[in-house]
Amino acid sequence: MIFTTADLCDKLAFDTDVQIAEPIFRSFGSKHSFSGKISTVKVFEDNVLIHTLLEQKVSQRVLVIDGGGSHRCALLGGNLAKIALQTAGRASLFTDASVTQTKSTSYPSAYAHYTLTR
């Protein structure tokens, strides 16, 4: 089943549990439509906890990474993308911090506010 943001807003206009993300994220994954239970992790310039979470076997989960908007280092890159693909239970990843290696890595579905190029 495919949903658009406008359709969801029309259907769930009075549901206070629905939140729509502002369109500040850039897509660099191969999937542009997804759904799943959301988990949020808050980190700052350290991706050890992200690594641990991506290694967990899950089913249709969306990981939102609150990286504090830092530009000083990337929280996601090629190695973590490989782990996310191998685990294969993530519906998508969102981060408001920097990511790298977006062109050379096949993320399943990922969105970032900032990207660093290498």
PDB file of N, CA and C in Angstrom:
ATOM      1  N   MET A   1       0.839  -1.167   0.000  1.00  0.00           N
ATOM      2  CA  MET A   1       0.000   0.000   0.000  1.00  0.00           C
ATOM      3  C   MET A   1       0.890   1.237   0.000  1.00  0.00           C
ATOM      4  N   ILE A   2       0.605   2.187  -0.883  1.00  0.00           N
ATOM      5  CA  ILE A   2       1.409   3.398  -1.010  1.00  0.00           C
ATOM      6  C   ILE A   2       0.620   4.588  -0.466  1.00  0.00           C
ATOM      7  N   PHE A   3       1.292   5.377   0.362  1.00  0.00           N
ATOM      8  CA  PHE A   3       0.692   6.567   0.942  1.00  0.00           C
ATOM      9  C   PHE A   3       1.499   7.787   0.525  1.00  0.00           C
ATOM     10  N   THR A   4       0.846   8.909   0.396  1.00  0.00           N
ATOM     11  CA  THR A   4       1.543  10.179   0.219  1.00  0.00           C
ATOM     12  C   THR A   4       1.330  10.997   1.480  1.00  0.00           C
ATOM     13  N   THR A   5       2.198  11.955   1.714  1.00  0.00           N
ATOM     14  CA  THR A   5       2.069  12.796   2.899  1.00  0.00           C
ATOM     15  C   THR A   5       0.724  13.517   2.909  1.00  0.00           C
ATOM     16  N   ALA A   6       0.295  14.013   1.755  1.00  0.00           N
ATOM     17  CA  ALA A   6      -0.991  14.725   1.678  1.00  0.00           C
ATOM     18  C   ALA A   6      -2.155  13.801   2.038  1.00  0.00           C
ATOM     19  N   ASP A   7      -2.132  12.563   1.546  1.00  0.00           N
ATOM     20  CA  ASP A   7      -3.199  11.611   1.873  1.00  0.00           C
ATOM     21  C   ASP A   7      -3.240  11.320   3.363  1.00  0.00           C
ATOM     22  N   LEU A   8      -2.071  11.122   3.974  1.00  0.00           N
ATOM     23  CA  LEU A   8      -2.024  10.849   5.411  1.00  0.00           C
ATOM     24  C   LEU A   8      -2.528  12.033   6.221  1.00  0.00           C
ATOM     25  N   CYS A   9      -2.156  13.241   5.809  1.00  0.00           N
ATOM     26  CA  CYS A   9      -2.632  14.437   6.526  1.00  0.00           C
ATOM     27  C   CYS A   9      -4.152  14.558   6.432  1.00  0.00           C
ATOM     28  N   ASP A  10      -4.696  14.286   5.236  1.00  0.00           N
ATOM     29  CA  ASP A  10      -6.155  14.359   5.075  1.00  0.00           C
ATOM     30  C   ASP A  10      -6.854  13.320   5.943  1.00  0.00           C
ATOM     31  N   LYS A  11      -6.337  12.104   5.953  1.00  0.00           N
ATOM     32  CA  LYS A  11      -6.978  11.019   6.684  1.00  0.00           C
ATOM     33  C   LYS A  11      -6.822  11.172   8.195  1.00  0.00           C
ATOM     34  N   LEU A  12      -5.668  11.660   8.641  1.00  0.00           N
ATOM     35  CA  LEU A  12      -5.359  11.695  10.067  1.00  0.00           C
ATOM     36  C   LEU A  12      -5.265  13.121  10.616  1.00  0.00           C
ATOM     37  N   ALA A  13      -5.983  14.046  10.010  1.00  0.00           N
ATOM     38  CA  ALA A  13      -5.879  15.460  10.368  1.00  0.00           C
ATOM     39  C   ALA A  13      -6.141  15.742  11.840  1.00  0.00           C
ATOM     40  N   PHE A  14      -6.973  14.946  12.469  1.00  0.00           N
ATOM     41  CA  PHE A  14      -7.328  15.213  13.861  1.00  0.00           C
ATOM     42  C   PHE A  14      -6.637  14.275  14.840  1.00  0.00           C
ATOM     43  N   ASP A  15      -5.724  13.455  14.352  1.00  0.00           N
ATOM     44  CA  ASP A  15      -4.980  12.516  15.193  1.00  0.00           C
ATOM     45  C   ASP A  15      -3.732  13.223  15.718  1.00  0.00           C
ATOM     46  N   THR A  16      -3.654  13.433  17.018  1.00  0.00           N
ATOM     47  CA  THR A  16      -2.528  14.179  17.591  1.00  0.00           C
ATOM     48  C   THR A  16      -1.244  13.362  17.668  1.00  0.00           C
ATOM     49  N   ASP A  17      -1.311  12.062  17.361  1.00  0.00           N
ATOM     50  CA  ASP A  17      -0.115  11.228  17.413  1.00  0.00           C
ATOM     51  C   ASP A  17       0.664  11.220  16.098  1.00  0.00           C
ATOM     52  N   VAL A  18       0.185  11.916  15.093  1.00  0.00           N
ATOM     53  CA  VAL A  18       0.840  11.942  13.786  1.00  0.00           C
ATOM     54  C   VAL A  18       1.679  13.199  13.667  1.00  0.00           C
ATOM     55  N   GLN A  19       2.940  13.028  13.246  1.00  0.00           N
ATOM     56  CA  GLN A  19       3.828  14.163  13.026  1.00  0.00           C
ATOM     57  C   GLN A  19       4.455  14.027  11.653  1.00  0.00           C
ATOM     58  N   ILE A  20       4.604  15.121  10.950  1.00  0.00           N
ATOM     59  CA  ILE A  20       5.191  15.140   9.613  1.00  0.00           C
ATOM     60  C   ILE A  20       6.541  15.847   9.710  1.00  0.00           C
ATOM     61  N   ALA A  21       7.584  15.213   9.171  1.00  0.00           N
ATOM     62  CA  ALA A  21       8.921  15.809   9.183  1.00  0.00           C
ATOM     63  C   ALA A  21       8.992  16.928   8.147  1.00  0.00           C
ATOM     64  N   GLU A  22       9.647  18.008   8.504  1.00  0.00           N
ATOM     65  CA  GLU A  22       9.866  19.099   7.553  1.00  0.00           C
ATOM     66  C   GLU A  22      10.747  18.593   6.410  1.00  0.00           C
ATOM     67  N   PRO A  23      10.574  19.132   5.217  1.00  0.00           N
ATOM     68  CA  PRO A  23      11.337  18.641   4.057  1.00  0.00           C
ATOM     69  C   PRO A  23      12.759  19.188   3.996  1.00  0.00           C
ATOM     70  N   ILE A  24      13.520  18.967   5.045  1.00  0.00           N
ATOM     71  CA  ILE A  24      14.902  19.447   5.085  1.00  0.00           C
ATOM     72  C   ILE A  24      15.893  18.331   4.800  1.00  0.00           C
ATOM     73  N   PHE A  25      15.401  17.099   4.658  1.00  0.00           N
ATOM     74  CA  PHE A  25      16.282  15.952   4.484  1.00  0.00           C
ATOM     75  C   PHE A  25      16.479  15.623   3.012  1.00  0.00           C
ATOM     76  N   ARG A  26      17.691  15.221   2.664  1.00  0.00           N
ATOM     77  CA  ARG A  26      18.022  14.802   1.312  1.00  0.00           C
ATOM     78  C   ARG A  26      18.063  13.287   1.272  1.00  0.00           C
ATOM     79  N   SER A  27      17.402  12.706   0.285  1.00  0.00           N
ATOM     80  CA  SER A  27      17.376  11.256   0.145  1.00  0.00           C
ATOM     81  C   SER A  27      18.634  10.772  -0.567  1.00  0.00           C
ATOM     82  N   PHE A  28      19.259   9.727  -0.056  1.00  0.00           N
ATOM     83  CA  PHE A  28      20.372   9.106  -0.766  1.00  0.00           C
ATOM     84  C   PHE A  28      20.287   7.590  -0.717  1.00  0.00           C
ATOM     85  N   GLY A  29      19.077   7.097  -0.556  1.00  0.00           N
ATOM     86  CA  GLY A  29      18.851   5.657  -0.547  1.00  0.00           C
ATOM     87  C   GLY A  29      18.160   5.204  -1.816  1.00  0.00           C
ATOM     88  N   SER A  30      18.040   3.916  -1.985  1.00  0.00           N
ATOM     89  CA  SER A  30      17.410   3.380  -3.186  1.00  0.00           C
ATOM     90  C   SER A  30      15.894   3.265  -3.046  1.00  0.00           C
ATOM     91  N   LYS A  31      15.375   3.257  -1.820  1.00  0.00           N
ATOM     92  CA  LYS A  31      13.928   3.197  -1.575  1.00  0.00           C
ATOM     93  C   LYS A  31      13.437   4.585  -1.181  1.00  0.00           C
ATOM     94  N   HIS A  32      12.311   4.994  -1.748  1.00  0.00           N
ATOM     95  CA  HIS A  32      11.770   6.314  -1.424  1.00  0.00           C
ATOM     96  C   HIS A  32      10.452   6.238  -0.677  1.00  0.00           C
ATOM     97  N   SER A  33       9.988   5.040  -0.419  1.00  0.00           N
ATOM     98  CA  SER A  33       8.757   4.840   0.327  1.00  0.00           C
ATOM     99  C   SER A  33       9.010   3.751   1.359  1.00  0.00           C
ATOM    100  N   PHE A  34       8.584   3.982   2.587  1.00  0.00           N
ATOM    101  CA  PHE A  34       8.820   3.021   3.654  1.00  0.00           C
ATOM    102  C   PHE A  34       7.860   3.288   4.791  1.00  0.00           C
ATOM    103  N   SER A  35       7.759   2.351   5.684  1.00  0.00           N
ATOM    104  CA  SER A  35       6.982   2.535   6.909  1.00  0.00           C
ATOM    105  C   SER A  35       7.577   1.625   7.965  1.00  0.00           C
ATOM    106  N   GLY A  36       7.301   1.927   9.203  1.00  0.00           N
ATOM    107  CA  GLY A  36       7.798   1.093  10.286  1.00  0.00           C
ATOM    108  C   GLY A  36       7.785   1.820  11.607  1.00  0.00           C
ATOM    109  N   LYS A  37       8.030   1.081  12.653  1.00  0.00           N
ATOM    110  CA  LYS A  37       8.104   1.649  13.993  1.00  0.00           C
ATOM    111  C   LYS A  37       9.375   2.489  14.094  1.00  0.00           C
ATOM    112  N   ILE A  38       9.279   3.635  14.734  1.00  0.00           N
ATOM    113  CA  ILE A  38      10.398   4.572  14.818  1.00  0.00           C
ATOM    114  C   ILE A  38      11.111   4.446  16.152  1.00  0.00           C
ATOM    115  N   SER A  39      12.432   4.407  16.081  1.00  0.00           N
ATOM    116  CA  SER A  39      13.295   4.490  17.267  1.00  0.00           C
ATOM    117  C   SER A  39      14.200   5.691  17.078  1.00  0.00           C
ATOM    118  N   THR A  40      14.437   6.431  18.137  1.00  0.00           N
ATOM    119  CA  THR A  40      15.300   7.605  18.068  1.00  0.00           C
ATOM    120  C   THR A  40      16.484   7.424  18.991  1.00  0.00           C
ATOM    121  N   VAL A  41      17.662   7.797  18.504  1.00  0.00           N
ATOM    122  CA  VAL A  41      18.866   7.773  19.315  1.00  0.00           C
ATOM    123  C   VAL A  41      19.488   9.171  19.264  1.00  0.00           C
ATOM    124  N   LYS A  42      19.895   9.671  20.422  1.00  0.00           N
ATOM    125  CA  LYS A  42      20.525  10.992  20.498  1.00  0.00           C
ATOM    126  C   LYS A  42      22.004  10.798  20.796  1.00  0.00           C
ATOM    127  N   VAL A  43      22.832  11.279  19.879  1.00  0.00           N
ATOM    128  CA  VAL A  43      24.289  11.179  20.023  1.00  0.00           C
ATOM    129  C   VAL A  43      24.897  12.505  19.590  1.00  0.00           C
ATOM    130  N   PHE A  44      26.155  12.715  19.925  1.00  0.00           N
ATOM    131  CA  PHE A  44      26.842  13.920  19.462  1.00  0.00           C
ATOM    132  C   PHE A  44      28.275  13.565  19.097  1.00  0.00           C
ATOM    133  N   GLU A  45      28.543  13.569  17.792  1.00  0.00           N
ATOM    134  CA  GLU A  45      29.875  13.352  17.239  1.00  0.00           C
ATOM    135  C   GLU A  45      30.506  12.029  17.669  1.00  0.00           C
ATOM    136  N   ASP A  46      29.684  11.022  17.903  1.00  0.00           N
ATOM    137  CA  ASP A  46      30.166   9.694  18.276  1.00  0.00           C
ATOM    138  C   ASP A  46      29.131   8.680  17.777  1.00  0.00           C
ATOM    139  N   ASN A  47      29.567   7.742  16.927  1.00  0.00           N
ATOM    140  CA  ASN A  47      28.612   6.819  16.334  1.00  0.00           C
ATOM    141  C   ASN A  47      28.657   5.404  16.924  1.00  0.00           C
ATOM    142  N   VAL A  48      29.264   5.225  18.084  1.00  0.00           N
ATOM    143  CA  VAL A  48      29.357   3.898  18.699  1.00  0.00           C
ATOM    144  C   VAL A  48      27.963   3.331  18.992  1.00  0.00           C
ATOM    145  N   LEU A  49      27.083   4.130  19.527  1.00  0.00           N
ATOM    146  CA  LEU A  49      25.724   3.668  19.831  1.00  0.00           C
ATOM    147  C   LEU A  49      24.951   3.359  18.545  1.00  0.00           C
ATOM    148  N   ILE A  50      25.168   4.136  17.503  1.00  0.00           N
ATOM    149  CA  ILE A  50      24.528   3.875  16.213  1.00  0.00           C
ATOM    150  C   ILE A  50      24.979   2.513  15.684  1.00  0.00           C
ATOM    151  N   HIS A  51      26.265   2.256  15.779  1.00  0.00           N
ATOM    152  CA  HIS A  51      26.835   0.971  15.343  1.00  0.00           C
ATOM    153  C   HIS A  51      26.150  -0.186  16.072  1.00  0.00           C
ATOM    154  N   THR A  52      26.009  -0.057  17.378  1.00  0.00           N
ATOM    155  CA  THR A  52      25.367  -1.091  18.196  1.00  0.00           C
ATOM    156  C   THR A  52      23.912  -1.304  17.768  1.00  0.00           C
ATOM    157  N   LEU A  53      23.180  -0.217  17.547  1.00  0.00           N
ATOM    158  CA  LEU A  53      21.771  -0.324  17.159  1.00  0.00           C
ATOM    159  C   LEU A  53      21.610  -0.945  15.770  1.00  0.00           C
ATOM    160  N   LEU A  54      22.493  -0.605  14.840  1.00  0.00           N
ATOM    161  CA  LEU A  54      22.384  -1.147  13.486  1.00  0.00           C
ATOM    162  C   LEU A  54      22.708  -2.637  13.426  1.00  0.00           C
ATOM    163  N   GLU A  55      23.453  -3.138  14.392  1.00  0.00           N
ATOM    164  CA  GLU A  55      23.768  -4.572  14.428  1.00  0.00           C
ATOM    165  C   GLU A  55      22.610  -5.419  14.955  1.00  0.00           C
ATOM    166  N   GLN A  56      21.636  -4.796  15.589  1.00  0.00           N
ATOM    167  CA  GLN A  56      20.504  -5.539  16.140  1.00  0.00           C
ATOM    168  C   GLN A  56      19.562  -5.983  15.028  1.00  0.00           C
ATOM    169  N   LYS A  57      19.086  -7.213  15.126  1.00  0.00           N
ATOM    170  CA  LYS A  57      18.098  -7.731  14.177  1.00  0.00           C
ATOM    171  C   LYS A  57      16.747  -7.108  14.499  1.00  0.00           C
ATOM    172  N   VAL A  58      16.157  -6.456  13.531  1.00  0.00           N
ATOM    173  CA  VAL A  58      14.857  -5.805  13.703  1.00  0.00           C
ATOM    174  C   VAL A  58      14.007  -6.085  12.472  1.00  0.00           C
ATOM    175  N   SER A  59      12.757  -5.700  12.534  1.00  0.00           N
ATOM    176  CA  SER A  59      11.868  -5.866  11.392  1.00  0.00           C
ATOM    177  C   SER A  59      11.141  -4.554  11.123  1.00  0.00           C
ATOM    178  N   GLN A  60      11.368  -4.007   9.943  1.00  0.00           N
ATOM    179  CA  GLN A  60      10.695  -2.776   9.499  1.00  0.00           C
ATOM    180  C   GLN A  60      10.768  -1.659  10.536  1.00  0.00           C
ATOM    181  N   ARG A  61      11.966  -1.307  10.938  1.00  0.00           N
ATOM    182  CA  ARG A  61      12.170  -0.228  11.907  1.00  0.00           C
ATOM    183  C   ARG A  61      12.826   0.955  11.214  1.00  0.00           C
ATOM    184  N   VAL A  62      12.461   2.141  11.634  1.00  0.00           N
ATOM    185  CA  VAL A  62      13.050   3.385  11.153  1.00  0.00           C
ATOM    186  C   VAL A  62      13.919   3.919  12.284  1.00  0.00           C
ATOM    187  N   LEU A  63      15.187   4.165  12.002  1.00  0.00           N
ATOM    188  CA  LEU A  63      16.090   4.713  13.013  1.00  0.00           C
ATOM    189  C   LEU A  63      16.293   6.195  12.735  1.00  0.00           C
ATOM    190  N   VAL A  64      15.894   7.022  13.685  1.00  0.00           N
ATOM    191  CA  VAL A  64      16.102   8.466  13.609  1.00  0.00           C
ATOM    192  C   VAL A  64      17.296   8.785  14.493  1.00  0.00           C
ATOM    193  N   ILE A  65      18.311   9.388  13.895  1.00  0.00           N
ATOM    194  CA  ILE A  65      19.536   9.715  14.621  1.00  0.00           C
ATOM    195  C   ILE A  65      19.570  11.219  14.855  1.00  0.00           C
ATOM    196  N   ASP A  66      19.433  11.619  16.108  1.00  0.00           N
ATOM    197  CA  ASP A  66      19.538  13.025  16.487  1.00  0.00           C
ATOM    198  C   ASP A  66      21.008  13.285  16.790  1.00  0.00           C
ATOM    199  N   GLY A  67      21.699  13.795  15.806  1.00  0.00           N
ATOM    200  CA  GLY A  67      23.127  14.047  15.947  1.00  0.00           C
ATOM    201  C   GLY A  67      23.452  15.481  16.301  1.00  0.00           C
ATOM    202  N   GLY A  68      22.449  16.250  16.700  1.00  0.00           N
ATOM    203  CA  GLY A  68      22.694  17.623  17.112  1.00  0.00           C
ATOM    204  C   GLY A  68      23.060  18.562  15.972  1.00  0.00           C
ATOM    205  N   GLY A  69      22.894  18.103  14.733  1.00  0.00           N
ATOM    206  CA  GLY A  69      23.186  18.960  13.587  1.00  0.00           C
ATOM    207  C   GLY A  69      24.659  19.229  13.364  1.00  0.00           C
ATOM    208  N   SER A  70      25.524  18.405  13.915  1.00  0.00           N
ATOM    209  CA  SER A  70      26.967  18.646  13.802  1.00  0.00           C
ATOM    210  C   SER A  70      27.473  18.444  12.376  1.00  0.00           C
ATOM    211  N   HIS A  71      28.385  19.342  11.970  1.00  0.00           N
ATOM    212  CA  HIS A  71      29.074  19.245  10.686  1.00  0.00           C
ATOM    213  C   HIS A  71      30.513  18.766  10.855  1.00  0.00           C
ATOM    214  N   ARG A  72      30.964  18.575  12.074  1.00  0.00           N
ATOM    215  CA  ARG A  72      32.393  18.304  12.311  1.00  0.00           C
ATOM    216  C   ARG A  72      32.825  16.879  12.010  1.00  0.00           C
ATOM    217  N   CYS A  73      31.897  15.923  12.059  1.00  0.00           N
ATOM    218  CA  CYS A  73      32.256  14.553  11.708  1.00  0.00           C
ATOM    219  C   CYS A  73      31.008  13.841  11.205  1.00  0.00           C
ATOM    220  N   ALA A  74      31.207  12.803  10.418  1.00  0.00           N
ATOM    221  CA  ALA A  74      30.082  12.042   9.874  1.00  0.00           C
ATOM    222  C   ALA A  74      29.660  10.961  10.864  1.00  0.00           C
ATOM    223  N   LEU A  75      28.369  10.816  11.062  1.00  0.00           N
ATOM    224  CA  LEU A  75      27.849   9.754  11.930  1.00  0.00           C
ATOM    225  C   LEU A  75      27.560   8.479  11.154  1.00  0.00           C
ATOM    226  N   LEU A  76      27.341   8.591   9.840  1.00  0.00           N
ATOM    227  CA  LEU A  76      27.104   7.432   8.985  1.00  0.00           C
ATOM    228  C   LEU A  76      28.075   7.465   7.816  1.00  0.00           C
ATOM    229  N   GLY A  77      28.555   6.299   7.440  1.00  0.00           N
ATOM    230  CA  GLY A  77      29.444   6.164   6.290  1.00  0.00           C
ATOM    231  C   GLY A  77      29.342   4.766   5.722  1.00  0.00           C
ATOM    232  N   GLY A  78      30.306   4.402   4.922  1.00  0.00           N
ATOM    233  CA  GLY A  78      30.290   3.121   4.228  1.00  0.00           C
ATOM    234  C   GLY A  78      30.224   1.913   5.134  1.00  0.00           C
ATOM    235  N   ASN A  79      30.980   1.894   6.215  1.00  0.00           N
ATOM    236  CA  ASN A  79      30.982   0.733   7.118  1.00  0.00           C
ATOM    237  C   ASN A  79      29.636   0.526   7.792  1.00  0.00           C
ATOM    238  N   LEU A  80      29.034   1.607   8.282  1.00  0.00           N
ATOM    239  CA  LEU A  80      27.728   1.467   8.932  1.00  0.00           C
ATOM    240  C   LEU A  80      26.634   1.153   7.916  1.00  0.00           C
ATOM    241  N   ALA A  81      26.782   1.629   6.691  1.00  0.00           N
ATOM    242  CA  ALA A  81      25.808   1.294   5.650  1.00  0.00           C
ATOM    243  C   ALA A  81      25.843  -0.200   5.367  1.00  0.00           C
ATOM    244  N   LYS A  82      27.022  -0.776   5.327  1.00  0.00           N
ATOM    245  CA  LYS A  82      27.144  -2.218   5.104  1.00  0.00           C
ATOM    246  C   LYS A  82      26.475  -3.000   6.233  1.00  0.00           C
ATOM    247  N   ILE A  83      26.659  -2.545   7.464  1.00  0.00           N
ATOM    248  CA  ILE A  83      26.018  -3.208   8.607  1.00  0.00           C
ATOM    249  C   ILE A  83      24.500  -3.095   8.478  1.00  0.00           C
ATOM    250  N   ALA A  84      24.006  -1.915   8.118  1.00  0.00           N
ATOM    251  CA  ALA A  84      22.555  -1.716   7.960  1.00  0.00           C
ATOM    252  C   ALA A  84      22.006  -2.631   6.873  1.00  0.00           C
ATOM    253  N   LEU A  85      22.746  -2.812   5.789  1.00  0.00           N
ATOM    254  CA  LEU A  85      22.299  -3.685   4.700  1.00  0.00           C
ATOM    255  C   LEU A  85      22.338  -5.150   5.111  1.00  0.00           C
ATOM    256  N   GLN A  86      23.376  -5.547   5.841  1.00  0.00           N
ATOM    257  CA  GLN A  86      23.509  -6.939   6.261  1.00  0.00           C
ATOM    258  C   GLN A  86      22.424  -7.325   7.259  1.00  0.00           C
ATOM    259  N   THR A  87      22.079  -6.412   8.147  1.00  0.00           N
ATOM    260  CA  THR A  87      21.031  -6.683   9.126  1.00  0.00           C
ATOM    261  C   THR A  87      19.674  -6.764   8.431  1.00  0.00           C
ATOM    262  N   ALA A  88      19.497  -5.933   7.425  1.00  0.00           N
ATOM    263  CA  ALA A  88      18.324  -5.968   6.526  1.00  0.00           C
ATOM    264  C   ALA A  88      16.972  -5.900   7.216  1.00  0.00           C
ATOM    265  N   GLY A  89      16.879  -5.316   8.384  1.00  0.00           N
ATOM    266  CA  GLY A  89      15.589  -5.159   9.033  1.00  0.00           C
ATOM    267  C   GLY A  89      15.167  -3.708   9.139  1.00  0.00           C
ATOM    268  N   ARG A  90      16.029  -2.811   8.712  1.00  0.00           N
ATOM    269  CA  ARG A  90      15.738  -1.379   8.790  1.00  0.00           C
ATOM    270  C   ARG A  90      14.915  -0.941   7.600  1.00  0.00           C
ATOM    271  N   ALA A  91      13.837  -0.232   7.869  1.00  0.00           N
ATOM    272  CA  ALA A  91      13.039   0.343   6.792  1.00  0.00           C
ATOM    273  C   ALA A  91      13.719   1.604   6.272  1.00  0.00           C
ATOM    274  N   SER A  92      14.335   2.388   7.182  1.00  0.00           N
ATOM    275  CA  SER A  92      14.991   3.619   6.768  1.00  0.00           C
ATOM    276  C   SER A  92      15.841   4.176   7.909  1.00  0.00           C
ATOM    277  N   LEU A  93      16.727   5.101   7.548  1.00  0.00           N
ATOM    278  CA  LEU A  93      17.556   5.837   8.507  1.00  0.00           C
ATOM    279  C   LEU A  93      17.361   7.328   8.251  1.00  0.00           C
ATOM    280  N   PHE A  94      17.262   8.105   9.311  1.00  0.00           N
ATOM    281  CA  PHE A  94      17.213   9.563   9.218  1.00  0.00           C
ATOM    282  C   PHE A  94      18.285  10.108  10.146  1.00  0.00           C
ATOM    283  N   THR A  95      18.996  11.143   9.725  1.00  0.00           N
ATOM    284  CA  THR A  95      19.942  11.792  10.625  1.00  0.00           C
ATOM    285  C   THR A  95      19.989  13.286  10.361  1.00  0.00           C
ATOM    286  N   ASP A  96      20.164  14.055  11.428  1.00  0.00           N
ATOM    287  CA  ASP A  96      20.330  15.498  11.256  1.00  0.00           C
ATOM    288  C   ASP A  96      21.791  15.885  11.440  1.00  0.00           C
ATOM    289  N   ALA A  97      22.683  14.938  11.315  1.00  0.00           N
ATOM    290  CA  ALA A  97      24.117  15.203  11.344  1.00  0.00           C
ATOM    291  C   ALA A  97      24.704  14.769  10.003  1.00  0.00           C
ATOM    292  N   SER A  98      25.987  14.881   9.857  1.00  0.00           N
ATOM    293  CA  SER A  98      26.634  14.597   8.583  1.00  0.00           C
ATOM    294  C   SER A  98      26.768  13.113   8.304  1.00  0.00           C
ATOM    295  N   VAL A  99      26.705  12.773   7.016  1.00  0.00           N
ATOM    296  CA  VAL A  99      26.974  11.428   6.532  1.00  0.00           C
ATOM    297  C   VAL A  99      28.011  11.543   5.415  1.00  0.00           C
ATOM    298  N   THR A 100      28.657  10.440   5.089  1.00  0.00           N
ATOM    299  CA  THR A 100      29.656  10.448   4.033  1.00  0.00           C
ATOM    300  C   THR A 100      29.523   9.186   3.199  1.00  0.00           C
ATOM    301  N   GLN A 101      30.207   9.146   2.095  1.00  0.00           N
ATOM    302  CA  GLN A 101      30.220   8.014   1.168  1.00  0.00           C
ATOM    303  C   GLN A 101      28.824   7.684   0.663  1.00  0.00           C
ATOM    304  N   THR A 102      28.041   8.692   0.358  1.00  0.00           N
ATOM    305  CA  THR A 102      26.670   8.454  -0.095  1.00  0.00           C
ATOM    306  C   THR A 102      26.615   7.951  -1.532  1.00  0.00           C
ATOM    307  N   LYS A 103      27.595   8.301  -2.349  1.00  0.00           N
ATOM    308  CA  LYS A 103      27.585   7.861  -3.748  1.00  0.00           C
ATOM    309  C   LYS A 103      28.150   6.459  -3.924  1.00  0.00           C
ATOM    310  N   SER A 104      29.062   6.058  -3.070  1.00  0.00           N
ATOM    311  CA  SER A 104      29.724   4.764  -3.232  1.00  0.00           C
ATOM    312  C   SER A 104      29.083   3.647  -2.422  1.00  0.00           C
ATOM    313  N   THR A 105      28.058   3.964  -1.658  1.00  0.00           N
ATOM    314  CA  THR A 105      27.431   2.980  -0.775  1.00  0.00           C
ATOM    315  C   THR A 105      25.957   2.860  -1.098  1.00  0.00           C
ATOM    316  N   SER A 106      25.437   1.661  -1.114  1.00  0.00           N
ATOM    317  CA  SER A 106      24.023   1.430  -1.420  1.00  0.00           C
ATOM    318  C   SER A 106      23.207   1.368  -0.133  1.00  0.00           C
ATOM    319  N   TYR A 107      22.803   2.509   0.375  1.00  0.00           N
ATOM    320  CA  TYR A 107      21.912   2.547   1.525  1.00  0.00           C
ATOM    321  C   TYR A 107      20.535   2.088   1.060  1.00  0.00           C
ATOM    322  N   PRO A 108      19.813   1.296   1.851  1.00  0.00           N
ATOM    323  CA  PRO A 108      18.476   0.882   1.435  1.00  0.00           C
ATOM    324  C   PRO A 108      17.526   2.075   1.350  1.00  0.00           C
ATOM    325  N   SER A 109      17.440   2.850   2.377  1.00  0.00           N
ATOM    326  CA  SER A 109      16.624   4.057   2.414  1.00  0.00           C
ATOM    327  C   SER A 109      17.208   4.923   3.501  1.00  0.00           C
ATOM    328  N   ALA A 110      17.645   6.097   3.133  1.00  0.00           N
ATOM    329  CA  ALA A 110      18.284   6.952   4.120  1.00  0.00           C
ATOM    330  C   ALA A 110      18.087   8.408   3.740  1.00  0.00           C
ATOM    331  N   TYR A 111      17.989   9.229   4.757  1.00  0.00           N
ATOM    332  CA  TYR A 111      17.784  10.653   4.574  1.00  0.00           C
ATOM    333  C   TYR A 111      18.700  11.396   5.534  1.00  0.00           C
ATOM    334  N   ALA A 112      19.323  12.449   5.048  1.00  0.00           N
ATOM    335  CA  ALA A 112      20.220  13.223   5.896  1.00  0.00           C
ATOM    336  C   ALA A 112      19.990  14.713   5.660  1.00  0.00           C
ATOM    337  N   HIS A 113      20.220  15.464   6.696  1.00  0.00           N
ATOM    338  CA  HIS A 113      20.138  16.901   6.613  1.00  0.00           C
ATOM    339  C   HIS A 113      21.422  17.456   5.998  1.00  0.00           C
ATOM    340  N   TYR A 114      22.536  16.865   6.301  1.00  0.00           N
ATOM    341  CA  TYR A 114      23.847  17.304   5.803  1.00  0.00           C
ATOM    342  C   TYR A 114      24.597  16.114   5.226  1.00  0.00           C
ATOM    343  N   THR A 115      25.404  16.366   4.207  1.00  0.00           N
ATOM    344  CA  THR A 115      26.286  15.311   3.706  1.00  0.00           C
ATOM    345  C   THR A 115      27.700  15.853   3.554  1.00  0.00           C
ATOM    346  N   LEU A 116      28.670  14.997   3.825  1.00  0.00           N
ATOM    347  CA  LEU A 116      30.077  15.301   3.613  1.00  0.00           C
ATOM    348  C   LEU A 116      30.531  14.451   2.442  1.00  0.00           C
ATOM    349  N   THR A 117      31.338  14.981   1.568  1.00  0.00           N
ATOM    350  CA  THR A 117      31.827  14.189   0.452  1.00  0.00           C
ATOM    351  C   THR A 117      33.282  13.844   0.663  1.00  0.00           C
ATOM    352  N   ARG A 118      33.662  12.675   0.162  1.00  0.00           N
ATOM    353  CA  ARG A 118      35.055  12.229   0.237  1.00  0.00           C
ATOM    354  C   ARG A 118      35.509  11.816  -1.117  1.00  0.00           C
TER     355      ARG A 118
END
